[in-house]
C-alpha atoms as a PDB file:
ATOM      1  CA  MET A   1     -10.613 -21.627 -48.195  1.00  0.00           C
ATOM      2  CA  THR A   2     -12.701 -23.342 -45.976  1.00  0.00           C
ATOM      3  CA  ALA A   3     -12.442 -23.326 -41.917  1.00  0.00           C
ATOM      4  CA  ARG A   4     -11.008 -26.596 -42.143  1.00  0.00           C
ATOM      5  CA  ARG A   5      -7.921 -25.616 -44.354  1.00  0.00           C
ATOM      6  CA  CYS A   6      -7.650 -22.806 -42.134  1.00  0.00           C
ATOM      7  CA  PRO A   7      -8.002 -23.835 -38.175  1.00  0.00           C
ATOM      8  CA  ALA A   8      -7.056 -20.198 -37.104  1.00  0.00           C
ATOM      9  CA  LEU A   9     -10.175 -19.138 -38.807  1.00  0.00           C
ATOM     10  CA  ALA A  10     -12.611 -21.757 -37.143  1.00  0.00           C
ATOM     11  CA  ALA A  11     -10.942 -20.812 -33.928  1.00  0.00           C
ATOM     12  CA  ALA A  12     -11.505 -16.855 -34.345  1.00  0.00           C
ATOM     13  CA  ALA A  13     -15.677 -18.052 -35.192  1.00  0.00           C
ATOM     14  CA  LEU A  14     -15.548 -19.610 -31.858  1.00  0.00           C
ATOM     15  CA  LEU A  15     -14.426 -16.882 -30.113  1.00  0.00           C
ATOM     16  CA  PRO A  16     -17.590 -14.873 -29.701  1.00  0.00           C
ATOM     17  CA  ILE A  17     -19.372 -17.512 -28.823  1.00  0.00           C
ATOM     18  CA  LEU A  18     -17.400 -18.910 -25.717  1.00  0.00           C
ATOM     19  CA  ALA A  19     -16.824 -15.657 -24.507  1.00  0.00           C
ATOM     20  CA  SER A  20     -20.690 -15.088 -24.110  1.00  0.00           C
ATOM     21  CA  HIS A  21     -21.467 -18.497 -22.959  1.00  0.00           C
ATOM     22  CA  VAL A  22     -18.530 -18.042 -20.278  1.00  0.00           C
ATOM     23  CA  LEU A  23     -20.048 -14.580 -18.972  1.00  0.00           C
ATOM     24  CA  ALA A  24     -23.768 -16.113 -19.318  1.00  0.00           C
ATOM     25  CA  ALA A  25     -22.235 -18.922 -16.983  1.00  0.00           C
ATOM     26  CA  TYR A  26     -21.494 -16.132 -14.143  1.00  0.00           C
ATOM     27  CA  GLU A  27     -25.426 -14.395 -14.900  1.00  0.00           C
ATOM     28  CA  ASN A  28     -26.762 -16.404 -11.993  1.00  0.00           C
ATOM     29  CA  VAL A  29     -23.843 -14.966  -9.181  1.00  0.00           C
ATOM     30  CA  LEU A  30     -24.114 -11.677 -10.599  1.00  0.00           C
ATOM     31  CA  PRO A  31     -27.617  -9.963  -8.620  1.00  0.00           C
ATOM     32  CA  GLY A  32     -25.824 -11.377  -5.081  1.00  0.00           C
ATOM     33  CA  VAL A  33     -22.473  -9.690  -5.938  1.00  0.00           C
ATOM     34  CA  ARG A  34     -24.158  -6.112  -6.809  1.00  0.00           C
ATOM     35  CA  ASP A  35     -26.137  -6.462  -3.597  1.00  0.00           C
ATOM     36  CA  GLY A  36     -22.848  -7.385  -1.570  1.00  0.00           C
ATOM     37  CA  LEU A  37     -21.282  -4.115  -3.411  1.00  0.00           C
ATOM     38  CA  LYS A  38     -24.004  -1.949  -2.463  1.00  0.00           C
ATOM     39  CA  ALA A  39     -23.953  -2.905   1.271  1.00  0.00           C
ATOM     40  CA  PHE A  40     -20.363  -2.946   1.478  1.00  0.00           C
ATOM     41  CA  ALA A  41     -20.247   0.620  -0.326  1.00  0.00           C
ATOM     42  CA  ALA A  42     -22.620   1.726   2.156  1.00  0.00           C
ATOM     43  CA  ASP A  43     -21.190   0.095   5.877  1.00  0.00           C
ATOM     44  CA  GLY A  44     -19.422   3.229   6.717  1.00  0.00           C
ATOM     45  CA  LYS A  45     -16.411   1.306   8.332  1.00  0.00           C
ATOM     46  CA  VAL A  46     -12.683   2.404   7.891  1.00  0.00           C
ATOM     47  CA  ARG A  47     -11.227   0.242   5.178  1.00  0.00           C
ATOM     48  CA  HIS A  48      -7.280  -0.249   5.196  1.00  0.00           C
ATOM     49  CA  CYS A  49      -4.721  -1.669   2.777  1.00  0.00           C
ATOM     50  CA  VAL A  50      -1.653  -1.448   0.781  1.00  0.00           C
ATOM     51  CA  ILE A  51      -1.426   0.025  -3.029  1.00  0.00           C
ATOM     52  CA  ARG A  52       0.990  -1.473  -5.402  1.00  0.00           C
ATOM     53  CA  VAL A  53       1.290  -0.080  -8.805  1.00  0.00           C
ATOM     54  CA  LYS A  54       2.727  -0.898 -12.178  1.00  0.00           C
ATOM     55  CA  VAL A  55       2.532   1.290 -15.167  1.00  0.00           C
ATOM     56  CA  GLU A  56       3.694  -0.459 -18.335  1.00  0.00           C
ATOM     57  CA  ALA A  57       4.264   1.728 -21.273  1.00  0.00           C
ATOM     58  CA  GLN A  58       6.476   2.548 -24.299  1.00  0.00           C
ATOM     59  CA  GLY A  59       7.848  -1.100 -24.097  1.00  0.00           C
ATOM     60  CA  GLN A  60       9.076  -0.067 -20.347  1.00  0.00           C
ATOM     61  CA  THR A  61       7.964  -1.327 -17.226  1.00  0.00           C
ATOM     62  CA  ARG A  62       7.781   1.176 -13.675  1.00  0.00           C
ATOM     63  CA  GLU A  63       6.943   0.275 -10.496  1.00  0.00           C
ATOM     64  CA  GLN A  64       5.933   3.288  -7.880  1.00  0.00           C
ATOM     65  CA  PRO A  65       6.787   2.895  -4.630  1.00  0.00           C
ATOM     66  CA  ASP A  66       3.676   1.723  -1.635  1.00  0.00           C
ATOM     67  CA  GLN A  67       1.443   3.310  -0.647  1.00  0.00           C
ATOM     68  CA  GLU A  68      -0.626   2.236   2.890  1.00  0.00           C
ATOM     69  CA  ILE A  69      -4.268   3.941   2.655  1.00  0.00           C
ATOM     70  CA  TRP A  70      -6.724   3.944   4.723  1.00  0.00           C
ATOM     71  CA  TYR A  71     -10.257   5.815   4.351  1.00  0.00           C
ATOM     72  CA  GLN A  72     -13.995   6.178   5.496  1.00  0.00           C
ATOM     73  CA  GLY A  73     -17.049   7.086   3.464  1.00  0.00           C
ATOM     74  CA  ASP A  74     -16.027   9.882   0.767  1.00  0.00           C
ATOM     75  CA  ASP A  75     -14.541  12.849   2.932  1.00  0.00           C
ATOM     76  CA  ARG A  76     -11.902  10.983   5.315  1.00  0.00           C
ATOM     77  CA  LEU A  77      -8.707   9.417   3.767  1.00  0.00           C
ATOM     78  CA  ARG A  78      -4.969   8.979   5.115  1.00  0.00           C
ATOM     79  CA  ALA A  79      -2.075   7.613   3.025  1.00  0.00           C
ATOM     80  CA  ASP A  80       1.254   6.757   3.824  1.00  0.00           C
ATOM     81  CA  LEU A  81       4.497   6.733   2.092  1.00  0.00           C
ATOM     82  CA  SER A  82       6.842   5.771   3.983  1.00  0.00           C
ATOM     83  CA  THR A  83      10.069   5.082   1.715  1.00  0.00           C
ATOM     84  CA  GLN A  84      10.001   9.107   1.631  1.00  0.00           C
ATOM     85  CA  ASN A  85       8.198   9.471   5.242  1.00  0.00           C
ATOM     86  CA  PHE A  86       5.749  11.554   3.317  1.00  0.00           C
ATOM     87  CA  VAL A  87       1.801  11.627   5.033  1.00  0.00           C
ATOM     88  CA  LEU A  88      -1.482  12.790   3.307  1.00  0.00           C
ATOM     89  CA  ALA A  89      -4.427  13.508   5.500  1.00  0.00           C
ATOM     90  CA  VAL A  90      -7.349  14.572   4.202  1.00  0.00           C
ATOM     91  CA  SER A  91     -11.035  15.302   6.589  1.00  0.00           C
ATOM     92  CA  PRO A  92     -13.563  17.765   6.285  1.00  0.00           C
ATOM     93  CA  GLU A  93     -11.590  20.180   7.964  1.00  0.00           C
ATOM     94  CA  GLY A  94      -9.129  20.111   5.282  1.00  0.00           C
ATOM     95  CA  GLY A  95      -5.951  18.464   3.966  1.00  0.00           C
ATOM     96  CA  THR A  96      -2.203  18.031   4.981  1.00  0.00           C
ATOM     97  CA  LEU A  97       0.579  17.357   2.796  1.00  0.00           C
ATOM     98  CA  PHE A  98       3.192  16.472   5.170  1.00  0.00           C
ATOM     99  CA  SER A  99       7.043  15.398   4.391  1.00  0.00           C
ATOM    100  CA  ALA A 100       8.063  14.289   8.215  1.00  0.00           C
ATOM    101  CA  GLN A 101      12.041  14.161   6.680  1.00  0.00           C
ATOM    102  CA  ALA A 102      12.096  17.901   5.809  1.00  0.00           C
ATOM    103  CA  GLY A 103       9.538  18.860   8.484  1.00  0.00           C
ATOM    104  CA  LEU A 104       7.734  20.406   6.209  1.00  0.00           C
ATOM    105  CA  ALA A 105       3.619  20.853   5.722  1.00  0.00           C
ATOM    106  CA  LEU A 106       0.976  21.886   2.947  1.00  0.00           C
ATOM    107  CA  VAL A 107      -1.926  22.681   4.099  1.00  0.00           C
ATOM    108  CA  ALA A 108      -5.618  23.269   2.576  1.00  0.00           C
ATOM    109  CA  ARG A 109      -8.223  24.468   4.762  1.00  0.00           C
ATOM    110  CA  GLY A 110     -11.040  26.662   4.706  1.00  0.00           C
ATOM    111  CA  GLU A 111     -12.140  28.326   1.300  1.00  0.00           C
ATOM    112  CA  ALA A 112      -8.364  27.426  -0.175  1.00  0.00           C
ATOM    113  CA  PHE A 113      -9.218  23.424   0.691  1.00  0.00           C
ATOM    114  CA  GLU A 114     -13.703  24.372  -0.727  1.00  0.00           C
ATOM    115  CA  LYS A 115     -12.152  25.504  -4.085  1.00  0.00           C
ATOM    116  CA  LEU A 116     -10.118  22.179  -4.391  1.00  0.00           C
ATOM    117  CA  GLY A 117     -13.315  20.543  -5.551  1.00  0.00           C
ATOM    118  CA  GLU A 118     -17.027  20.370  -5.452  1.00  0.00           C
ATOM    119  CA  SER A 119     -16.953  17.166  -3.657  1.00  0.00           C
ATOM    120  CA  ALA A 120     -15.272  15.298  -1.079  1.00  0.00           C
ATOM    121  CA  PRO A 121     -13.829  12.595  -3.511  1.00  0.00           C
ATOM    122  CA  ASP A 122     -12.932  15.219  -6.081  1.00  0.00           C
ATOM    123  CA  ARG A 123     -10.655  17.424  -3.633  1.00  0.00           C
ATOM    124  CA  GLN A 124      -9.140  14.298  -2.496  1.00  0.00           C
ATOM    125  CA  ARG A 125      -7.964  13.754  -6.289  1.00  0.00           C
ATOM    126  CA  ASN A 126      -6.753  17.149  -6.761  1.00  0.00           C
ATOM    127  CA  LEU A 127      -4.600  16.707  -3.530  1.00  0.00           C
ATOM    128  CA  GLY A 128      -3.077  13.651  -5.161  1.00  0.00           C
ATOM    129  CA  VAL A 129      -5.250  10.862  -4.624  1.00  0.00           C
ATOM    130  CA  ASN A 130      -6.023   8.450  -8.004  1.00  0.00           C
ATOM    131  CA  PRO A 131      -8.551   7.280  -7.915  1.00  0.00           C
ATOM    132  CA  PRO A 132     -10.116   8.123  -4.880  1.00  0.00           C
ATOM    133  CA  LEU A 133     -11.208   4.385  -3.190  1.00  0.00           C
ATOM    134  CA  CYS A 134     -14.385   6.010  -2.091  1.00  0.00           C
ATOM    135  CA  VAL A 135     -14.867   6.735  -5.688  1.00  0.00           C
ATOM    136  CA  LEU A 136     -13.882   3.258  -6.710  1.00  0.00           C
ATOM    137  CA  ASP A 137     -16.503   1.556  -4.178  1.00  0.00           C
ATOM    138  CA  ARG A 138     -19.450   3.631  -4.609  1.00  0.00           C
ATOM    139  CA  ALA A 139     -18.804   3.424  -8.473  1.00  0.00           C
ATOM    140  CA  LEU A 140     -19.013  -0.491  -8.663  1.00  0.00           C
ATOM    141  CA  ALA A 141     -22.065  -0.547  -6.108  1.00  0.00           C
ATOM    142  CA  GLU A 142     -24.180   1.847  -8.795  1.00  0.00           C
ATOM    143  CA  GLU A 143     -22.973   0.433 -12.284  1.00  0.00           C
ATOM    144  CA  ALA A 144     -25.612  -1.724 -14.040  1.00  0.00           C
ATOM    145  CA  THR A 145     -23.197  -2.950 -16.431  1.00  0.00           C
ATOM    146  CA  LEU A 146     -20.396  -5.050 -14.741  1.00  0.00           C
ATOM    147  CA  SER A 147     -20.188  -8.771 -15.620  1.00  0.00           C
ATOM    148  CA  ILE A 148     -18.255 -10.929 -14.061  1.00  0.00           C
ATOM    149  CA  GLU A 149     -15.614 -12.329 -16.603  1.00  0.00           C
ATOM    150  CA  ARG A 150     -13.514 -15.000 -15.130  1.00  0.00           C
ATOM    151  CA  GLU A 151     -12.537 -15.644 -11.347  1.00  0.00           C
ATOM    152  CA  SER A 152      -9.213 -15.573  -9.940  1.00  0.00           C
ATOM    153  CA  ALA A 153      -6.755 -15.065  -6.746  1.00  0.00           C
ATOM    154  CA  PHE A 154      -5.630 -11.628  -6.189  1.00  0.00           C
ATOM    155  CA  ASP A 155      -3.297 -11.493  -3.047  1.00  0.00           C
ATOM    156  CA  GLY A 156      -4.497 -15.135  -1.830  1.00  0.00           C
ATOM    157  CA  ARG A 157      -7.855 -14.213  -1.971  1.00  0.00           C
ATOM    158  CA  ASP A 158     -10.974 -15.896  -4.560  1.00  0.00           C
ATOM    159  CA  CYS A 159     -12.218 -12.627  -6.763  1.00  0.00           C
ATOM    160  CA  TRP A 160     -14.527 -12.000  -8.882  1.00  0.00           C
ATOM    161  CA  VAL A 161     -12.931 -10.364 -11.815  1.00  0.00           C
ATOM    162  CA  MET A 162     -15.165  -7.557 -13.058  1.00  0.00           C
ATOM    163  CA  THR A 163     -15.279  -6.396 -16.449  1.00  0.00           C
ATOM    164  CA  VAL A 164     -16.640  -2.678 -17.464  1.00  0.00           C
ATOM    165  CA  ALA A 165     -18.688  -2.817 -20.522  1.00  0.00           C
ATOM    166  CA  PRO A 166     -17.293  -1.025 -23.801  1.00  0.00           C
ATOM    167  CA  GLU A 167     -20.373   1.793 -23.697  1.00  0.00           C
ATOM    168  CA  ARG A 168     -19.208   2.602 -20.166  1.00  0.00           C
ATOM    169  CA  LEU A 169     -15.230   3.303 -20.598  1.00  0.00           C
ATOM    170  CA  GLU A 170     -15.222   6.848 -21.097  1.00  0.00           C
ATOM    171  CA  ALA A 171     -17.222   7.257 -17.654  1.00  0.00           C
ATOM    172  CA  TRP A 172     -14.932   4.894 -16.344  1.00  0.00           C
ATOM    173  CA  SER A 173     -11.861   7.022 -17.730  1.00  0.00           C
ATOM    174  CA  LYS A 174     -13.554   9.543 -15.420  1.00  0.00           C
ATOM    175  CA  ILE A 175     -13.860   7.773 -12.177  1.00  0.00           C
ATOM    176  CA  ILE A 176     -10.481   6.354 -12.574  1.00  0.00           C
ATOM    177  CA  LEU A 177      -8.396   9.149 -13.759  1.00  0.00           C
ATOM    178  CA  GLY A 178     -10.466  12.304 -13.673  1.00  0.00           C
ATOM    179  CA  GLU A 179     -10.147  15.024 -16.700  1.00  0.00           C
ATOM    180  CA  GLN A 180      -6.714  13.378 -18.230  1.00  0.00           C
ATOM    181  CA  PRO A 181      -6.615  12.833 -21.965  1.00  0.00           C
ATOM    182  CA  VAL A 182      -6.982   9.273 -21.991  1.00  0.00           C
ATOM    183  CA  THR A 183      -9.107   6.952 -23.603  1.00  0.00           C
ATOM    184  CA  LEU A 184      -9.310   3.285 -22.415  1.00  0.00           C
ATOM    185  CA  SER A 185     -10.106   0.230 -24.077  1.00  0.00           C
ATOM    186  CA  ALA A 186     -10.466  -2.318 -21.078  1.00  0.00           C
ATOM    187  CA  VAL A 187     -10.989  -2.163 -17.026  1.00  0.00           C
ATOM    188  CA  HIS A 188     -10.674  -4.738 -15.144  1.00  0.00           C
ATOM    189  CA  ILE A 189     -11.596  -5.311 -11.444  1.00  0.00           C
ATOM    190  CA  GLY A 190     -11.174  -7.860  -8.678  1.00  0.00           C
ATOM    191  CA  VAL A 191     -13.579  -8.155  -6.397  1.00  0.00           C
ATOM    192  CA  ASP A 192     -13.063 -10.753  -2.959  1.00  0.00           C
ATOM    193  CA  LYS A 193     -15.774 -13.010  -3.363  1.00  0.00           C
ATOM    194  CA  GLN A 194     -16.186 -12.821   0.803  1.00  0.00           C
ATOM    195  CA  ASP A 195     -16.440  -9.461   1.438  1.00  0.00           C
ATOM    196  CA  PHE A 196     -16.568  -7.459  -1.418  1.00  0.00           C
ATOM    197  CA  LEU A 197     -13.272  -5.195  -1.307  1.00  0.00           C
ATOM    198  CA  VAL A 198     -11.483  -4.306  -4.461  1.00  0.00           C
ATOM    199  CA  ARG A 199      -8.054  -6.774  -4.147  1.00  0.00           C
ATOM    200  CA  GLY A 200      -7.073  -5.791  -7.859  1.00  0.00           C
ATOM    201  CA  LEU A 201      -8.063  -3.051 -10.307  1.00  0.00           C
ATOM    202  CA  ASP A 202      -5.711  -3.084 -14.326  1.00  0.00           C
ATOM    203  CA  PHE A 203      -7.114  -0.634 -17.097  1.00  0.00           C
ATOM    204  CA  THR A 204      -5.586  -0.090 -20.593  1.00  0.00           C
ATOM    205  CA  GLY A 205      -5.889   2.589 -22.923  1.00  0.00           C
ATOM    206  CA  THR A 206      -4.542   5.729 -24.709  1.00  0.00           C
ATOM    207  CA  GLN A 207      -2.911   8.540 -23.544  1.00  0.00           C
ATOM    208  CA  PHE A 208      -2.908  11.469 -26.060  1.00  0.00           C
ATOM    209  CA  ALA A 209      -0.267  14.232 -25.947  1.00  0.00           C
ATOM    210  CA  PRO A 210      -0.960  17.970 -25.933  1.00  0.00           C
ATOM    211  CA  ASN A 211      -0.712  19.739 -28.871  1.00  0.00           C
ATOM    212  CA  GLY A 212      -1.002  16.743 -31.473  1.00  0.00           C
ATOM    213  CA  GLY A 213       1.805  15.093 -30.101  1.00  0.00           C
ATOM    214  CA  PRO A 214       2.254  10.947 -30.369  1.00  0.00           C
ATOM    215  CA  THR A 215       0.217   8.787 -28.422  1.00  0.00           C
ATOM    216  CA  THR A 216       0.646   6.354 -25.523  1.00  0.00           C
ATOM    217  CA  ASP A 217      -0.323   3.030 -25.331  1.00  0.00           C
ATOM    218  CA  PHE A 218      -0.399   1.980 -21.760  1.00  0.00           C
ATOM    219  CA  LYS A 219      -1.585  -0.404 -19.245  1.00  0.00           C
ATOM    220  CA  VAL A 220      -1.936  -0.210 -15.175  1.00  0.00           C
ATOM    221  CA  THR A 221      -2.095  -2.657 -12.788  1.00  0.00           C
ATOM    222  CA  LEU A 222      -2.916  -1.753  -9.049  1.00  0.00           C
ATOM    223  CA  ALA A 223      -2.661  -4.350  -6.311  1.00  0.00           C
ATOM    224  CA  TYR A 224      -4.865  -4.284  -3.282  1.00  0.00           C
ATOM    225  CA  LEU A 225      -2.420  -5.652  -0.487  1.00  0.00           C
ATOM    226  CA  GLY A 226      -3.816  -6.715   2.676  1.00  0.00           C
ATOM    227  CA  ALA A 227      -7.461  -5.078   2.119  1.00  0.00           C
ATOM    228  CA  GLU A 228      -9.144  -5.445   5.164  1.00  0.00           C
ATOM    229  CA  ASN A 229     -12.564  -3.467   6.400  1.00  0.00           C
ATOM    230  CA  GLY A 230     -13.514  -2.364   9.698  1.00  0.00           C
ATOM    231  CA  VAL A 231     -10.175  -0.985  11.114  1.00  0.00           C
ATOM    232  CA  GLU A 232      -9.768   0.760  14.278  1.00  0.00           C
ATOM    233  CA  VAL A 233      -7.951   3.909  14.286  1.00  0.00           C
ATOM    234  CA  PRO A 234      -8.069   6.900  17.010  1.00  0.00           C
ATOM    235  CA  GLU A 235     -10.441   9.703  16.591  1.00  0.00           C
ATOM    236  CA  SER A 236      -7.918  12.349  15.426  1.00  0.00           C
ATOM    237  CA  PHE A 237      -6.597   9.727  12.461  1.00  0.00           C
ATOM    238  CA  PHE A 238      -7.622  11.419   9.752  1.00  0.00           C
ATOM    239  CA  ALA A 239      -6.449  15.090  10.662  1.00  0.00           C
ATOM    240  CA  LEU A 240      -3.020  14.822  10.903  1.00  0.00           C
ATOM    241  CA  GLU A 241      -1.293  16.421  14.208  1.00  0.00           C
ATOM    242  CA  LEU A 242       1.452  18.096  12.926  1.00  0.00           C
ATOM    243  CA  PRO A 243       4.916  18.075  15.289  1.00  0.00           C
ATOM    244  CA  GLU A 244       5.185  21.743  17.261  1.00  0.00           C
ATOM    245  CA  ASP A 245       8.404  22.322  14.671  1.00  0.00           C
ATOM    246  CA  ALA A 246       6.848  21.489  11.685  1.00  0.00           C
ATOM    247  CA  GLU A 247       7.017  24.534   9.364  1.00  0.00           C
ATOM    248  CA  VAL A 248       3.108  25.295   7.260  1.00  0.00           C
ATOM    249  CA  MET A 249       2.472  25.947   3.665  1.00  0.00           C
ATOM    250  CA  GLU A 250      -0.488  27.916   2.961  1.00  0.00           C
ATOM    251  CA  TRP A 251      -2.921  26.109   0.303  1.00  0.00           C
ATOM    252  CA  ARG A 252      -3.601  29.899  -1.833  1.00  0.00           C
ATOM    253  CA  ALA A 253      -7.506  29.666  -2.129  1.00  0.00           C
ATOM    254  CA  GLY A 254      -8.053  28.956  -6.493  1.00  0.00           C
ATOM    255  CA  ALA A 255      -4.316  28.073  -7.135  1.00  0.00           C
ATOM    256  CA  LYS A 256      -3.994  25.562  -9.699  1.00  0.00           C
ATOM    257  CA  THR A 257      -3.131  21.914  -7.928  1.00  0.00           C
ATOM    258  CA  GLU A 258       0.150  21.573 -10.189  1.00  0.00           C
ATOM    259  CA  GLU A 259       1.511  25.190  -9.083  1.00  0.00           C
ATOM    260  CA  MET A 260       0.917  24.478  -5.547  1.00  0.00           C
ATOM    261  CA  LEU A 261       2.209  20.392  -5.266  1.00  0.00           C
ATOM    262  CA  VAL A 262       5.749  21.939  -7.481  1.00  0.00           C
ATOM    263  CA  GLU A 263       6.262  24.563  -5.079  1.00  0.00           C
ATOM    264  CA  PHE A 264       5.784  22.328  -2.216  1.00  0.00           C
ATOM    265  CA  VAL A 265       8.526  19.832  -3.361  1.00  0.00           C
ATOM    266  CA  GLN A 266      10.914  22.173  -4.525  1.00  0.00           C
ATOM    267  CA  ALA A 267      10.581  23.710  -0.941  1.00  0.00           C
ATOM    268  CA  VAL A 268      11.029  20.131   0.449  1.00  0.00           C
ATOM    269  CA  VAL A 269      14.038  19.433  -1.599  1.00  0.00           C
ATOM    270  CA  ARG A 270      15.180  22.925  -0.449  1.00  0.00           C
ATOM    271  CA  ARG A 271      15.044  22.046   3.310  1.00  0.00           C
ATOM    272  CA  LEU A 272      16.527  18.898   2.410  1.00  0.00           C
ATOM    273  CA  GLU A 273      19.650  20.248   1.244  1.00  0.00           C
ATOM    274  CA  GLU A 274      19.786  23.090   3.600  1.00  0.00           C
ATOM    275  CA  GLN A 275      19.735  20.098   6.187  1.00  0.00           C
ATOM    276  CA  GLY A 276      22.826  18.201   4.682  1.00  0.00           C
ATOM    277  CA  LYS A 277      25.008  21.030   4.150  1.00  0.00           C
ATOM    278  CA  ALA A 278      24.147  22.128   7.999  1.00  0.00           C
ATOM    279  CA  GLN A 279      25.242  18.806   8.726  1.00  0.00           C
ATOM    280  CA  ILE A 280      28.355  18.687   6.871  1.00  0.00           C
ATOM    281  CA  ASP A 281      29.215  22.025   8.609  1.00  0.00           C
ATOM    282  CA  ASP A 282      28.713  20.750  12.124  1.00  0.00           C
ATOM    283  CA  GLU A 283      30.653  17.677  11.423  1.00  0.00           C
ATOM    284  CA  ALA A 284      33.595  19.932   9.680  1.00  0.00           C
ATOM    285  CA  ALA A 285      33.437  21.720  12.896  1.00  0.00           C
ATOM    286  CA  GLY A 286      33.599  18.654  15.234  1.00  0.00           C
ATOM    287  CA  GLN A 287      30.016  18.818  16.310  1.00  0.00           C
ATOM    288  CA  GLU A 288      27.321  16.002  16.830  1.00  0.00           C
ATOM    289  CA  PRO A 289      24.973  16.789  14.409  1.00  0.00           C
ATOM    290  CA  PRO A 290      21.257  17.518  15.875  1.00  0.00           C
ATOM    291  CA  ARG A 291      18.999  15.012  16.696  1.00  0.00           C
END
């Protein structure tokens, strides 16, 4: 069977040639992009964006609530989940997860905070931020094998779409997802042509179930909406000041992240149920519910 008689074979044979030609077309751009990414990662300014996450797996698509993120360097971060009145703040002094609706905070400080990880980004990851954006910025600046696959628009901005070399996918799996039982098959990062902010990230791979269970193929897409650099915030912005009547749970030194987060969520649910019951009782008694 000849290629003339089977056009699909001819097209398949051309794909590697065309792909290498496309990548080669951007080779002269790469040095400037790398220099821009290095300068951006080191500028020390406060960044801000809204992260929108879409997960596709097992034929289903699920979108997570938007998170508004501010971060500065490796050790200062704030994430607001406005739909649930929830805030996470991290500074060199500690980390705080606060449910405004329940009036309950989980606070990690001192030894408990230090034991969350060897580095500041590790502690952010163990407090629930995945991937820490400071890690993504630095990884982009330090990665020598990135290539430009194409050009595209993200959030109305012209971007380079960077792709991770196959031999570096295992390392990037740890950068993006930490120590999760996952193998990545592709990573693409949309980098703004002008200011080198990350405006899009997607990765595909396979998740392995514990005890040899069935695997799950997935794709995760993150849109970094309204991303900006050099945002002005108050001095105390990353060290969350709790209301005087907030109840505080202390993160136990050495406790597993999953254990503490489950305890916190359970405590939030209990407080909300108690508040709901108290409101019903007040209304039944003809009293105005407390504000």
